[in-house]
Amino acid sequence: MDGDLRHGGGVRVGGLREVAASFVVPGPAGVAIRDRLRVSDADAAVLAEVGVYLGSLAAGDLAERSRQGLTHDAAGWAVRKRELTGRSSARWAGSITKATHDQWALARRGQAAHMA
């Protein structure tokens, strides 16, 4: 038991850990939980307004990102995030700019695949 590694997945050999045999991890179990928020009419109205507002910020950011085209860089991303932070919060601004970046990149990949 001297060279036994309980959590390392292998046995010590000359001071080094032996690499454990590879294995395949099973996929997700497929469990899904669906639930609805039970909110008052007033809360539902507020949530709808917040959704409309954040959606307009995201649409504006996507338009700005599209105008940047291929010249996009980290500095441009920071400027967009800073502008959104003034109109929302740093957390929402980060989420929006990340989603915009991913959406723009997906569109470019789709465009390249279509042209190919």
PDB file of N, CA and C in Angstrom:
ATOM      1  N   MET A   1       0.815  -1.173   0.000  1.00  0.00           N
ATOM      2  CA  MET A   1       0.000   0.000   0.000  1.00  0.00           C
ATOM      3  C   MET A   1       0.867   1.248   0.000  1.00  0.00           C
ATOM      4  N   ASP A   2       2.185   1.102   0.137  1.00  0.00           N
ATOM      5  CA  ASP A   2       3.087   2.236   0.206  1.00  0.00           C
ATOM      6  C   ASP A   2       3.029   3.077  -1.067  1.00  0.00           C
ATOM      7  N   GLY A   3       2.989   2.441  -2.255  1.00  0.00           N
ATOM      8  CA  GLY A   3       2.981   3.191  -3.499  1.00  0.00           C
ATOM      9  C   GLY A   3       1.590   3.410  -4.051  1.00  0.00           C
ATOM     10  N   ASP A   4       0.575   3.040  -3.314  1.00  0.00           N
ATOM     11  CA  ASP A   4      -0.801   3.124  -3.786  1.00  0.00           C
ATOM     12  C   ASP A   4      -1.288   4.574  -3.739  1.00  0.00           C
ATOM     13  N   LEU A   5      -1.880   5.031  -4.806  1.00  0.00           N
ATOM     14  CA  LEU A   5      -2.487   6.366  -4.836  1.00  0.00           C
ATOM     15  C   LEU A   5      -3.993   6.198  -4.871  1.00  0.00           C
ATOM     16  N   ARG A   6      -4.657   6.614  -3.843  1.00  0.00           N
ATOM     17  CA  ARG A   6      -6.102   6.432  -3.762  1.00  0.00           C
ATOM     18  C   ARG A   6      -6.850   7.345  -4.729  1.00  0.00           C
ATOM     19  N   HIS A   7      -6.378   8.557  -4.959  1.00  0.00           N
ATOM     20  CA  HIS A   7      -7.109   9.507  -5.782  1.00  0.00           C
ATOM     21  C   HIS A   7      -6.367   9.850  -7.066  1.00  0.00           C
ATOM     22  N   GLY A   8      -5.200   9.314  -7.278  1.00  0.00           N
ATOM     23  CA  GLY A   8      -4.407   9.698  -8.438  1.00  0.00           C
ATOM     24  C   GLY A   8      -4.653   8.855  -9.663  1.00  0.00           C
ATOM     25  N   GLY A   9      -5.289   7.724  -9.544  1.00  0.00           N
ATOM     26  CA  GLY A   9      -5.603   6.902 -10.698  1.00  0.00           C
ATOM     27  C   GLY A   9      -4.444   6.051 -11.173  1.00  0.00           C
ATOM     28  N   GLY A  10      -3.387   5.906 -10.419  1.00  0.00           N
ATOM     29  CA  GLY A  10      -2.262   5.094 -10.846  1.00  0.00           C
ATOM     30  C   GLY A  10      -1.444   4.662  -9.648  1.00  0.00           C
ATOM     31  N   VAL A  11      -0.294   4.050  -9.899  1.00  0.00           N
ATOM     32  CA  VAL A  11       0.584   3.571  -8.846  1.00  0.00           C
ATOM     33  C   VAL A  11       1.924   4.275  -9.002  1.00  0.00           C
ATOM     34  N   ARG A  12       2.546   4.637  -7.879  1.00  0.00           N
ATOM     35  CA  ARG A  12       3.856   5.295  -7.938  1.00  0.00           C
ATOM     36  C   ARG A  12       4.914   4.325  -8.428  1.00  0.00           C
ATOM     37  N   VAL A  13       5.705   4.818  -9.370  1.00  0.00           N
ATOM     38  CA  VAL A  13       6.809   4.036  -9.897  1.00  0.00           C
ATOM     39  C   VAL A  13       8.017   4.943  -9.886  1.00  0.00           C
ATOM     40  N   GLY A  14       8.983   4.667  -9.016  1.00  0.00           N
ATOM     41  CA  GLY A  14      10.202   5.464  -8.957  1.00  0.00           C
ATOM     42  C   GLY A  14       9.938   6.939  -8.682  1.00  0.00           C
ATOM     43  N   GLY A  15       8.960   7.250  -7.841  1.00  0.00           N
ATOM     44  CA  GLY A  15       8.682   8.634  -7.498  1.00  0.00           C
ATOM     45  C   GLY A  15       7.716   9.329  -8.439  1.00  0.00           C
ATOM     46  N   LEU A  16       7.438   8.743  -9.587  1.00  0.00           N
ATOM     47  CA  LEU A  16       6.497   9.332 -10.538  1.00  0.00           C
ATOM     48  C   LEU A  16       5.209   8.524 -10.567  1.00  0.00           C
ATOM     49  N   ARG A  17       4.140   9.168 -10.866  1.00  0.00           N
ATOM     50  CA  ARG A  17       2.864   8.477 -10.944  1.00  0.00           C
ATOM     51  C   ARG A  17       2.731   7.845 -12.324  1.00  0.00           C
ATOM     52  N   GLU A  18       2.328   6.595 -12.341  1.00  0.00           N
ATOM     53  CA  GLU A  18       2.065   5.904 -13.603  1.00  0.00           C
ATOM     54  C   GLU A  18       0.724   6.398 -14.134  1.00  0.00           C
ATOM     55  N   VAL A  19       0.645   6.628 -15.426  1.00  0.00           N
ATOM     56  CA  VAL A  19      -0.588   7.110 -16.026  1.00  0.00           C
ATOM     57  C   VAL A  19      -1.616   5.987 -16.011  1.00  0.00           C
ATOM     58  N   ALA A  20      -2.790   6.303 -15.519  1.00  0.00           N
ATOM     59  CA  ALA A  20      -3.868   5.315 -15.438  1.00  0.00           C
ATOM     60  C   ALA A  20      -4.409   5.017 -16.834  1.00  0.00           C
ATOM     61  N   ALA A  21      -5.031   3.874 -16.956  1.00  0.00           N
ATOM     62  CA  ALA A  21      -5.627   3.486 -18.234  1.00  0.00           C
ATOM     63  C   ALA A  21      -6.742   4.465 -18.585  1.00  0.00           C
ATOM     64  N   SER A  22      -6.878   4.774 -19.874  1.00  0.00           N
ATOM     65  CA  SER A  22      -7.923   5.704 -20.290  1.00  0.00           C
ATOM     66  C   SER A  22      -9.278   5.011 -20.261  1.00  0.00           C
ATOM     67  N   PHE A  23     -10.309   5.805 -20.167  1.00  0.00           N
ATOM     68  CA  PHE A  23     -11.664   5.269 -20.130  1.00  0.00           C
ATOM     69  C   PHE A  23     -12.608   6.308 -20.722  1.00  0.00           C
ATOM     70  N   VAL A  24     -13.769   5.856 -21.117  1.00  0.00           N
ATOM     71  CA  VAL A  24     -14.773   6.741 -21.697  1.00  0.00           C
ATOM     72  C   VAL A  24     -15.799   7.090 -20.629  1.00  0.00           C
ATOM     73  N   VAL A  25     -16.049   8.371 -20.486  1.00  0.00           N
ATOM     74  CA  VAL A  25     -17.036   8.837 -19.522  1.00  0.00           C
ATOM     75  C   VAL A  25     -18.407   8.774 -20.187  1.00  0.00           C
ATOM     76  N   PRO A  26     -19.388   8.204 -19.521  1.00  0.00           N
ATOM     77  CA  PRO A  26     -20.725   8.142 -20.129  1.00  0.00           C
ATOM     78  C   PRO A  26     -21.310   9.541 -20.307  1.00  0.00           C
ATOM     79  N   GLY A  27     -22.166   9.678 -21.291  1.00  0.00           N
ATOM     80  CA  GLY A  27     -22.796  10.962 -21.575  1.00  0.00           C
ATOM     81  C   GLY A  27     -23.774  11.359 -20.488  1.00  0.00           C
ATOM     82  N   PRO A  28     -24.353  12.534 -20.628  1.00  0.00           N
ATOM     83  CA  PRO A  28     -25.303  12.993 -19.625  1.00  0.00           C
ATOM     84  C   PRO A  28     -26.496  12.050 -19.509  1.00  0.00           C
ATOM     85  N   ALA A  29     -27.090  12.040 -18.347  1.00  0.00           N
ATOM     86  CA  ALA A  29     -28.203  11.132 -18.093  1.00  0.00           C
ATOM     87  C   ALA A  29     -29.489  11.597 -18.768  1.00  0.00           C
ATOM     88  N   GLY A  30     -29.544  12.813 -19.219  1.00  0.00           N
ATOM     89  CA  GLY A  30     -30.729  13.307 -19.906  1.00  0.00           C
ATOM     90  C   GLY A  30     -31.815  13.796 -18.980  1.00  0.00           C
ATOM     91  N   VAL A  31     -31.462  14.130 -17.770  1.00  0.00           N
ATOM     92  CA  VAL A  31     -32.446  14.631 -16.822  1.00  0.00           C
ATOM     93  C   VAL A  31     -32.698  16.107 -17.109  1.00  0.00           C
ATOM     94  N   ALA A  32     -33.946  16.465 -17.223  1.00  0.00           N
ATOM     95  CA  ALA A  32     -34.325  17.858 -17.435  1.00  0.00           C
ATOM     96  C   ALA A  32     -35.418  18.228 -16.455  1.00  0.00           C
ATOM     97  N   ILE A  33     -35.292  19.380 -15.893  1.00  0.00           N
ATOM     98  CA  ILE A  33     -36.290  19.859 -14.959  1.00  0.00           C
ATOM     99  C   ILE A  33     -36.902  21.117 -15.554  1.00  0.00           C
ATOM    100  N   ARG A  34     -38.204  21.108 -15.690  1.00  0.00           N
ATOM    101  CA  ARG A  34     -38.900  22.275 -16.223  1.00  0.00           C
ATOM    102  C   ARG A  34     -39.765  22.853 -15.117  1.00  0.00           C
ATOM    103  N   ASP A  35     -39.705  24.131 -14.991  1.00  0.00           N
ATOM    104  CA  ASP A  35     -40.500  24.797 -13.980  1.00  0.00           C
ATOM    105  C   ASP A  35     -40.799  26.203 -14.471  1.00  0.00           C
ATOM    106  N   ARG A  36     -41.792  26.776 -13.931  1.00  0.00           N
ATOM    107  CA  ARG A  36     -42.149  28.143 -14.286  1.00  0.00           C
ATOM    108  C   ARG A  36     -42.054  29.011 -13.038  1.00  0.00           C
ATOM    109  N   LEU A  37     -41.633  30.252 -13.269  1.00  0.00           N
ATOM    110  CA  LEU A  37     -41.657  31.205 -12.174  1.00  0.00           C
ATOM    111  C   LEU A  37     -43.099  31.645 -11.956  1.00  0.00           C
ATOM    112  N   ARG A  38     -43.495  31.686 -10.739  1.00  0.00           N
ATOM    113  CA  ARG A  38     -44.822  32.167 -10.409  1.00  0.00           C
ATOM    114  C   ARG A  38     -44.649  33.603  -9.906  1.00  0.00           C
ATOM    115  N   VAL A  39     -44.928  34.551 -10.780  1.00  0.00           N
ATOM    116  CA  VAL A  39     -44.731  35.951 -10.424  1.00  0.00           C
ATOM    117  C   VAL A  39     -46.060  36.697 -10.526  1.00  0.00           C
ATOM    118  N   SER A  40     -46.104  37.795  -9.839  1.00  0.00           N
ATOM    119  CA  SER A  40     -47.305  38.631  -9.885  1.00  0.00           C
ATOM    120  C   SER A  40     -47.371  39.343 -11.238  1.00  0.00           C
ATOM    121  N   ASP A  41     -48.504  39.932 -11.528  1.00  0.00           N
ATOM    122  CA  ASP A  41     -48.651  40.680 -12.775  1.00  0.00           C
ATOM    123  C   ASP A  41     -47.669  41.847 -12.838  1.00  0.00           C
ATOM    124  N   ALA A  42     -47.460  42.496 -11.718  1.00  0.00           N
ATOM    125  CA  ALA A  42     -46.516  43.621 -11.668  1.00  0.00           C
ATOM    126  C   ALA A  42     -45.089  43.137 -11.946  1.00  0.00           C
ATOM    127  N   ASP A  43     -44.694  42.012 -11.332  1.00  0.00           N
ATOM    128  CA  ASP A  43     -43.359  41.456 -11.574  1.00  0.00           C
ATOM    129  C   ASP A  43     -43.201  41.024 -13.031  1.00  0.00           C
ATOM    130  N   ALA A  44     -44.243  40.443 -13.597  1.00  0.00           N
ATOM    131  CA  ALA A  44     -44.195  40.026 -14.997  1.00  0.00           C
ATOM    132  C   ALA A  44     -44.002  41.230 -15.907  1.00  0.00           C
ATOM    133  N   ALA A  45     -44.648  42.336 -15.592  1.00  0.00           N
ATOM    134  CA  ALA A  45     -44.493  43.561 -16.391  1.00  0.00           C
ATOM    135  C   ALA A  45     -43.070  44.096 -16.290  1.00  0.00           C
ATOM    136  N   VAL A  46     -42.502  44.059 -15.091  1.00  0.00           N
ATOM    137  CA  VAL A  46     -41.121  44.518 -14.904  1.00  0.00           C
ATOM    138  C   VAL A  46     -40.161  43.624 -15.673  1.00  0.00           C
ATOM    139  N   LEU A  47     -40.331  42.312 -15.572  1.00  0.00           N
ATOM    140  CA  LEU A  47     -39.461  41.383 -16.297  1.00  0.00           C
ATOM    141  C   LEU A  47     -39.548  41.593 -17.805  1.00  0.00           C
ATOM    142  N   ALA A  48     -40.750  41.850 -18.305  1.00  0.00           N
ATOM    143  CA  ALA A  48     -40.920  42.109 -19.737  1.00  0.00           C
ATOM    144  C   ALA A  48     -40.187  43.384 -20.145  1.00  0.00           C
ATOM    145  N   GLU A  49     -40.294  44.418 -19.341  1.00  0.00           N
ATOM    146  CA  GLU A  49     -39.597  45.685 -19.635  1.00  0.00           C
ATOM    147  C   GLU A  49     -38.081  45.504 -19.616  1.00  0.00           C
ATOM    148  N   VAL A  50     -37.588  44.759 -18.625  1.00  0.00           N
ATOM    149  CA  VAL A  50     -36.151  44.496 -18.551  1.00  0.00           C
ATOM    150  C   VAL A  50     -35.700  43.715 -19.782  1.00  0.00           C
ATOM    151  N   GLY A  51     -36.499  42.735 -20.190  1.00  0.00           N
ATOM    152  CA  GLY A  51     -36.162  41.959 -21.383  1.00  0.00           C
ATOM    153  C   GLY A  51     -36.105  42.806 -22.639  1.00  0.00           C
ATOM    154  N   VAL A  52     -37.069  43.705 -22.785  1.00  0.00           N
ATOM    155  CA  VAL A  52     -37.085  44.604 -23.943  1.00  0.00           C
ATOM    156  C   VAL A  52     -35.857  45.512 -23.909  1.00  0.00           C
ATOM    157  N   TYR A  53     -35.560  46.053 -22.735  1.00  0.00           N
ATOM    158  CA  TYR A  53     -34.418  46.962 -22.612  1.00  0.00           C
ATOM    159  C   TYR A  53     -33.099  46.259 -22.915  1.00  0.00           C
ATOM    160  N   LEU A  54     -32.873  45.101 -22.278  1.00  0.00           N
ATOM    161  CA  LEU A  54     -31.627  44.374 -22.525  1.00  0.00           C
ATOM    162  C   LEU A  54     -31.552  43.886 -23.972  1.00  0.00           C
ATOM    163  N   GLY A  55     -32.679  43.527 -24.553  1.00  0.00           N
ATOM    164  CA  GLY A  55     -32.701  43.138 -25.960  1.00  0.00           C
ATOM    165  C   GLY A  55     -32.295  44.277 -26.865  1.00  0.00           C
ATOM    166  N   SER A  56     -32.738  45.492 -26.531  1.00  0.00           N
ATOM    167  CA  SER A  56     -32.343  46.643 -27.352  1.00  0.00           C
ATOM    168  C   SER A  56     -30.851  46.923 -27.201  1.00  0.00           C
ATOM    169  N   LEU A  57     -30.308  46.752 -25.991  1.00  0.00           N
ATOM    170  CA  LEU A  57     -28.865  46.918 -25.810  1.00  0.00           C
ATOM    171  C   LEU A  57     -28.091  45.883 -26.628  1.00  0.00           C
ATOM    172  N   ALA A  58     -28.569  44.639 -26.608  1.00  0.00           N
ATOM    173  CA  ALA A  58     -27.895  43.569 -27.359  1.00  0.00           C
ATOM    174  C   ALA A  58     -27.966  43.830 -28.866  1.00  0.00           C
ATOM    175  N   ALA A  59     -29.115  44.283 -29.347  1.00  0.00           N
ATOM    176  CA  ALA A  59     -29.255  44.569 -30.779  1.00  0.00           C
ATOM    177  C   ALA A  59     -28.322  45.705 -31.192  1.00  0.00           C
ATOM    178  N   GLY A  60     -28.241  46.732 -30.364  1.00  0.00           N
ATOM    179  CA  GLY A  60     -27.336  47.844 -30.662  1.00  0.00           C
ATOM    180  C   GLY A  60     -25.881  47.412 -30.643  1.00  0.00           C
ATOM    181  N   ASP A  61     -25.532  46.542 -29.695  1.00  0.00           N
ATOM    182  CA  ASP A  61     -24.148  46.059 -29.623  1.00  0.00           C
ATOM    183  C   ASP A  61     -23.804  45.194 -30.826  1.00  0.00           C
ATOM    184  N   LEU A  62     -24.749  44.372 -31.271  1.00  0.00           N
ATOM    185  CA  LEU A  62     -24.502  43.552 -32.456  1.00  0.00           C
ATOM    186  C   LEU A  62     -24.311  44.440 -33.689  1.00  0.00           C
ATOM    187  N   ALA A  63     -25.098  45.498 -33.787  1.00  0.00           N
ATOM    188  CA  ALA A  63     -24.938  46.430 -34.907  1.00  0.00           C
ATOM    189  C   ALA A  63     -23.560  47.085 -34.871  1.00  0.00           C
ATOM    190  N   GLU A  64     -23.133  47.494 -33.676  1.00  0.00           N
ATOM    191  CA  GLU A  64     -21.803  48.107 -33.544  1.00  0.00           C
ATOM    192  C   GLU A  64     -20.703  47.102 -33.871  1.00  0.00           C
ATOM    193  N   ARG A  65     -20.856  45.889 -33.398  1.00  0.00           N
ATOM    194  CA  ARG A  65     -19.859  44.844 -33.677  1.00  0.00           C
ATOM    195  C   ARG A  65     -19.793  44.559 -35.172  1.00  0.00           C
ATOM    196  N   SER A  66     -20.924  44.553 -35.832  1.00  0.00           N
ATOM    197  CA  SER A  66     -20.953  44.307 -37.276  1.00  0.00           C
ATOM    198  C   SER A  66     -20.278  45.440 -38.037  1.00  0.00           C
ATOM    199  N   ARG A  67     -20.459  46.681 -37.561  1.00  0.00           N
ATOM    200  CA  ARG A  67     -19.782  47.813 -38.208  1.00  0.00           C
ATOM    201  C   ARG A  67     -18.272  47.707 -38.084  1.00  0.00           C
ATOM    202  N   GLN A  68     -17.777  47.102 -36.994  1.00  0.00           N
ATOM    203  CA  GLN A  68     -16.333  46.954 -36.805  1.00  0.00           C
ATOM    204  C   GLN A  68     -15.733  45.978 -37.804  1.00  0.00           C
ATOM    205  N   GLY A  69     -16.511  45.028 -38.266  1.00  0.00           N
ATOM    206  CA  GLY A  69     -16.040  44.069 -39.262  1.00  0.00           C
ATOM    207  C   GLY A  69     -14.841  43.285 -38.784  1.00  0.00           C
ATOM    208  N   LEU A  70     -13.891  43.099 -39.684  1.00  0.00           N
ATOM    209  CA  LEU A  70     -12.710  42.288 -39.375  1.00  0.00           C
ATOM    210  C   LEU A  70     -11.659  43.041 -38.571  1.00  0.00           C
ATOM    211  N   THR A  71     -11.856  44.339 -38.373  1.00  0.00           N
ATOM    212  CA  THR A  71     -10.878  45.134 -37.627  1.00  0.00           C
ATOM    213  C   THR A  71     -11.094  45.070 -36.123  1.00  0.00           C
ATOM    214  N   HIS A  72     -11.962  44.181 -35.679  1.00  0.00           N
ATOM    215  CA  HIS A  72     -12.283  44.052 -34.257  1.00  0.00           C
ATOM    216  C   HIS A  72     -11.059  43.595 -33.467  1.00  0.00           C
ATOM    217  N   ASP A  73     -10.885  44.178 -32.274  1.00  0.00           N
ATOM    218  CA  ASP A  73      -9.809  43.755 -31.377  1.00  0.00           C
ATOM    219  C   ASP A  73     -10.266  43.935 -29.925  1.00  0.00           C
ATOM    220  N   ALA A  74      -9.390  43.617 -28.999  1.00  0.00           N
ATOM    221  CA  ALA A  74      -9.741  43.690 -27.574  1.00  0.00           C
ATOM    222  C   ALA A  74     -10.078  45.116 -27.157  1.00  0.00           C
ATOM    223  N   ALA A  75      -9.420  46.087 -27.739  1.00  0.00           N
ATOM    224  CA  ALA A  75      -9.695  47.481 -27.386  1.00  0.00           C
ATOM    225  C   ALA A  75     -11.112  47.870 -27.808  1.00  0.00           C
ATOM    226  N   GLY A  76     -11.526  47.432 -28.992  1.00  0.00           N
ATOM    227  CA  GLY A  76     -12.886  47.714 -29.451  1.00  0.00           C
ATOM    228  C   GLY A  76     -13.924  47.046 -28.567  1.00  0.00           C
ATOM    229  N   TRP A  77     -13.618  45.819 -28.146  1.00  0.00           N
ATOM    230  CA  TRP A  77     -14.509  45.093 -27.242  1.00  0.00           C
ATOM    231  C   TRP A  77     -14.645  45.863 -25.920  1.00  0.00           C
ATOM    232  N   ALA A  78     -13.522  46.357 -25.409  1.00  0.00           N
ATOM    233  CA  ALA A  78     -13.534  47.084 -24.141  1.00  0.00           C
ATOM    234  C   ALA A  78     -14.357  48.369 -24.251  1.00  0.00           C
ATOM    235  N   VAL A  79     -14.256  49.063 -25.378  1.00  0.00           N
ATOM    236  CA  VAL A  79     -15.035  50.283 -25.576  1.00  0.00           C
ATOM    237  C   VAL A  79     -16.528  49.960 -25.582  1.00  0.00           C
ATOM    238  N   ARG A  80     -16.919  48.912 -26.302  1.00  0.00           N
ATOM    239  CA  ARG A  80     -18.324  48.515 -26.340  1.00  0.00           C
ATOM    240  C   ARG A  80     -18.818  48.133 -24.951  1.00  0.00           C
ATOM    241  N   LYS A  81     -18.019  47.383 -24.221  1.00  0.00           N
ATOM    242  CA  LYS A  81     -18.420  46.959 -22.883  1.00  0.00           C
ATOM    243  C   LYS A  81     -18.549  48.151 -21.943  1.00  0.00           C
ATOM    244  N   ARG A  82     -17.609  49.092 -22.045  1.00  0.00           N
ATOM    245  CA  ARG A  82     -17.662  50.279 -21.199  1.00  0.00           C
ATOM    246  C   ARG A  82     -18.925  51.099 -21.479  1.00  0.00           C
ATOM    247  N   GLU A  83     -19.273  51.235 -22.756  1.00  0.00           N
ATOM    248  CA  GLU A  83     -20.473  51.987 -23.099  1.00  0.00           C
ATOM    249  C   GLU A  83     -21.724  51.294 -22.566  1.00  0.00           C
ATOM    250  N   LEU A  84     -21.775  49.980 -22.686  1.00  0.00           N
ATOM    251  CA  LEU A  84     -22.934  49.243 -22.167  1.00  0.00           C
ATOM    252  C   LEU A  84     -22.993  49.276 -20.642  1.00  0.00           C
ATOM    253  N   THR A  85     -21.837  49.297 -19.987  1.00  0.00           N
ATOM    254  CA  THR A  85     -21.800  49.334 -18.531  1.00  0.00           C
ATOM    255  C   THR A  85     -22.449  50.616 -18.020  1.00  0.00           C
ATOM    256  N   GLY A  86     -22.292  51.700 -18.755  1.00  0.00           N
ATOM    257  CA  GLY A  86     -22.929  52.948 -18.361  1.00  0.00           C
ATOM    258  C   GLY A  86     -24.440  52.906 -18.497  1.00  0.00           C
ATOM    259  N   ARG A  87     -24.956  51.993 -19.305  1.00  0.00           N
ATOM    260  CA  ARG A  87     -26.398  51.903 -19.531  1.00  0.00           C
ATOM    261  C   ARG A  87     -27.028  50.709 -18.834  1.00  0.00           C
ATOM    262  N   SER A  88     -26.211  49.840 -18.210  1.00  0.00           N
ATOM    263  CA  SER A  88     -26.745  48.667 -17.503  1.00  0.00           C
ATOM    264  C   SER A  88     -25.861  48.393 -16.298  1.00  0.00           C
ATOM    265  N   SER A  89     -25.139  47.291 -16.317  1.00  0.00           N
ATOM    266  CA  SER A  89     -24.184  46.953 -15.261  1.00  0.00           C
ATOM    267  C   SER A  89     -23.016  46.243 -15.919  1.00  0.00           C
ATOM    268  N   ALA A  90     -21.912  46.129 -15.211  1.00  0.00           N
ATOM    269  CA  ALA A  90     -20.737  45.462 -15.779  1.00  0.00           C
ATOM    270  C   ALA A  90     -21.047  44.006 -16.106  1.00  0.00           C
ATOM    271  N   ARG A  91     -21.843  43.364 -15.266  1.00  0.00           N
ATOM    272  CA  ARG A  91     -22.180  41.958 -15.499  1.00  0.00           C
ATOM    273  C   ARG A  91     -23.017  41.803 -16.761  1.00  0.00           C
ATOM    274  N   TRP A  92     -24.054  42.631 -16.918  1.00  0.00           N
ATOM    275  CA  TRP A  92     -24.879  42.551 -18.122  1.00  0.00           C
ATOM    276  C   TRP A  92     -24.073  42.954 -19.353  1.00  0.00           C
ATOM    277  N   ALA A  93     -23.233  43.973 -19.227  1.00  0.00           N
ATOM    278  CA  ALA A  93     -22.416  44.410 -20.360  1.00  0.00           C
ATOM    279  C   ALA A  93     -21.484  43.292 -20.813  1.00  0.00           C
ATOM    280  N   GLY A  94     -20.887  42.595 -19.864  1.00  0.00           N
ATOM    281  CA  GLY A  94     -20.009  41.475 -20.221  1.00  0.00           C
ATOM    282  C   GLY A  94     -20.770  40.356 -20.902  1.00  0.00           C
ATOM    283  N   SER A  95     -21.958  40.045 -20.391  1.00  0.00           N
ATOM    284  CA  SER A  95     -22.780  38.989 -20.999  1.00  0.00           C
ATOM    285  C   SER A  95     -23.213  39.368 -22.404  1.00  0.00           C
ATOM    286  N   ILE A  96     -23.621  40.609 -22.573  1.00  0.00           N
ATOM    287  CA  ILE A  96     -24.087  41.048 -23.884  1.00  0.00           C
ATOM    288  C   ILE A  96     -22.961  41.055 -24.896  1.00  0.00           C
ATOM    289  N   THR A  97     -21.798  41.623 -24.533  1.00  0.00           N
ATOM    290  CA  THR A  97     -20.693  41.678 -25.500  1.00  0.00           C
ATOM    291  C   THR A  97     -20.171  40.281 -25.828  1.00  0.00           C
ATOM    292  N   LYS A  98     -20.186  39.374 -24.857  1.00  0.00           N
ATOM    293  CA  LYS A  98     -19.755  37.993 -25.122  1.00  0.00           C
ATOM    294  C   LYS A  98     -20.726  37.312 -26.077  1.00  0.00           C
ATOM    295  N   ALA A  99     -22.022  37.472 -25.821  1.00  0.00           N
ATOM    296  CA  ALA A  99     -23.031  36.871 -26.697  1.00  0.00           C
ATOM    297  C   ALA A  99     -22.952  37.462 -28.100  1.00  0.00           C
ATOM    298  N   THR A 100     -22.733  38.765 -28.189  1.00  0.00           N
ATOM    299  CA  THR A 100     -22.599  39.423 -29.489  1.00  0.00           C
ATOM    300  C   THR A 100     -21.390  38.885 -30.235  1.00  0.00           C
ATOM    301  N   HIS A 101     -20.274  38.752 -29.535  1.00  0.00           N
ATOM    302  CA  HIS A 101     -19.059  38.217 -30.158  1.00  0.00           C
ATOM    303  C   HIS A 101     -19.307  36.811 -30.697  1.00  0.00           C
ATOM    304  N   ASP A 102     -19.930  35.975 -29.889  1.00  0.00           N
ATOM    305  CA  ASP A 102     -20.222  34.601 -30.316  1.00  0.00           C
ATOM    306  C   ASP A 102     -21.184  34.571 -31.494  1.00  0.00           C
ATOM    307  N   GLN A 103     -22.195  35.426 -31.469  1.00  0.00           N
ATOM    308  CA  GLN A 103     -23.170  35.472 -32.552  1.00  0.00           C
ATOM    309  C   GLN A 103     -22.522  35.938 -33.853  1.00  0.00           C
ATOM    310  N   TRP A 104     -21.661  36.940 -33.767  1.00  0.00           N
ATOM    311  CA  TRP A 104     -20.985  37.452 -34.960  1.00  0.00           C
ATOM    312  C   TRP A 104     -20.048  36.384 -35.526  1.00  0.00           C
ATOM    313  N   ALA A 105     -19.302  35.706 -34.650  1.00  0.00           N
ATOM    314  CA  ALA A 105     -18.376  34.659 -35.097  1.00  0.00           C
ATOM    315  C   ALA A 105     -19.128  33.502 -35.749  1.00  0.00           C
ATOM    316  N   LEU A 106     -20.270  33.116 -35.182  1.00  0.00           N
ATOM    317  CA  LEU A 106     -21.074  32.051 -35.761  1.00  0.00           C
ATOM    318  C   LEU A 106     -21.571  32.447 -37.154  1.00  0.00           C
ATOM    319  N   ALA A 107     -21.997  33.687 -37.283  1.00  0.00           N
ATOM    320  CA  ALA A 107     -22.460  34.166 -38.583  1.00  0.00           C
ATOM    321  C   ALA A 107     -21.331  34.158 -39.611  1.00  0.00           C
ATOM    322  N   ARG A 108     -20.136  34.551 -39.195  1.00  0.00           N
ATOM    323  CA  ARG A 108     -18.983  34.538 -40.115  1.00  0.00           C
ATOM    324  C   ARG A 108     -18.631  33.116 -40.543  1.00  0.00           C
ATOM    325  N   ARG A 109     -18.668  32.175 -39.592  1.00  0.00           N
ATOM    326  CA  ARG A 109     -18.378  30.784 -39.939  1.00  0.00           C
ATOM    327  C   ARG A 109     -19.434  30.244 -40.902  1.00  0.00           C
ATOM    328  N   GLY A 110     -20.693  30.588 -40.663  1.00  0.00           N
ATOM    329  CA  GLY A 110     -21.757  30.161 -41.554  1.00  0.00           C
ATOM    330  C   GLY A 110     -21.594  30.767 -42.940  1.00  0.00           C
ATOM    331  N   GLN A 111     -21.199  32.022 -42.994  1.00  0.00           N
ATOM    332  CA  GLN A 111     -20.965  32.694 -44.275  1.00  0.00           C
ATOM    333  C   GLN A 111     -19.815  32.028 -45.021  1.00  0.00           C
ATOM    334  N   ALA A 112     -18.739  31.719 -44.323  1.00  0.00           N
ATOM    335  CA  ALA A 112     -17.597  31.074 -44.956  1.00  0.00           C
ATOM    336  C   ALA A 112     -17.971  29.674 -45.459  1.00  0.00           C
ATOM    337  N   ALA A 113     -18.754  28.945 -44.673  1.00  0.00           N
ATOM    338  CA  ALA A 113     -19.167  27.607 -45.092  1.00  0.00           C
ATOM    339  C   ALA A 113     -20.072  27.691 -46.323  1.00  0.00           C
ATOM    340  N   HIS A 114     -20.937  28.687 -46.350  1.00  0.00           N
ATOM    341  CA  HIS A 114     -21.838  28.856 -47.499  1.00  0.00           C
ATOM    342  C   HIS A 114     -21.042  29.195 -48.762  1.00  0.00           C
ATOM    343  N   MET A 115     -20.046  30.050 -48.618  1.00  0.00           N
ATOM    344  CA  MET A 115     -19.230  30.432 -49.774  1.00  0.00           C
ATOM    345  C   MET A 115     -18.370  29.267 -50.265  1.00  0.00           C
ATOM    346  N   ALA A 116     -17.951  28.413 -49.329  1.00  0.00           N
ATOM    347  CA  ALA A 116     -17.124  27.269 -49.718  1.00  0.00           C
ATOM    348  C   ALA A 116     -17.982  26.243 -50.432  1.00  0.00           C
TER     349      ALA A 116
END
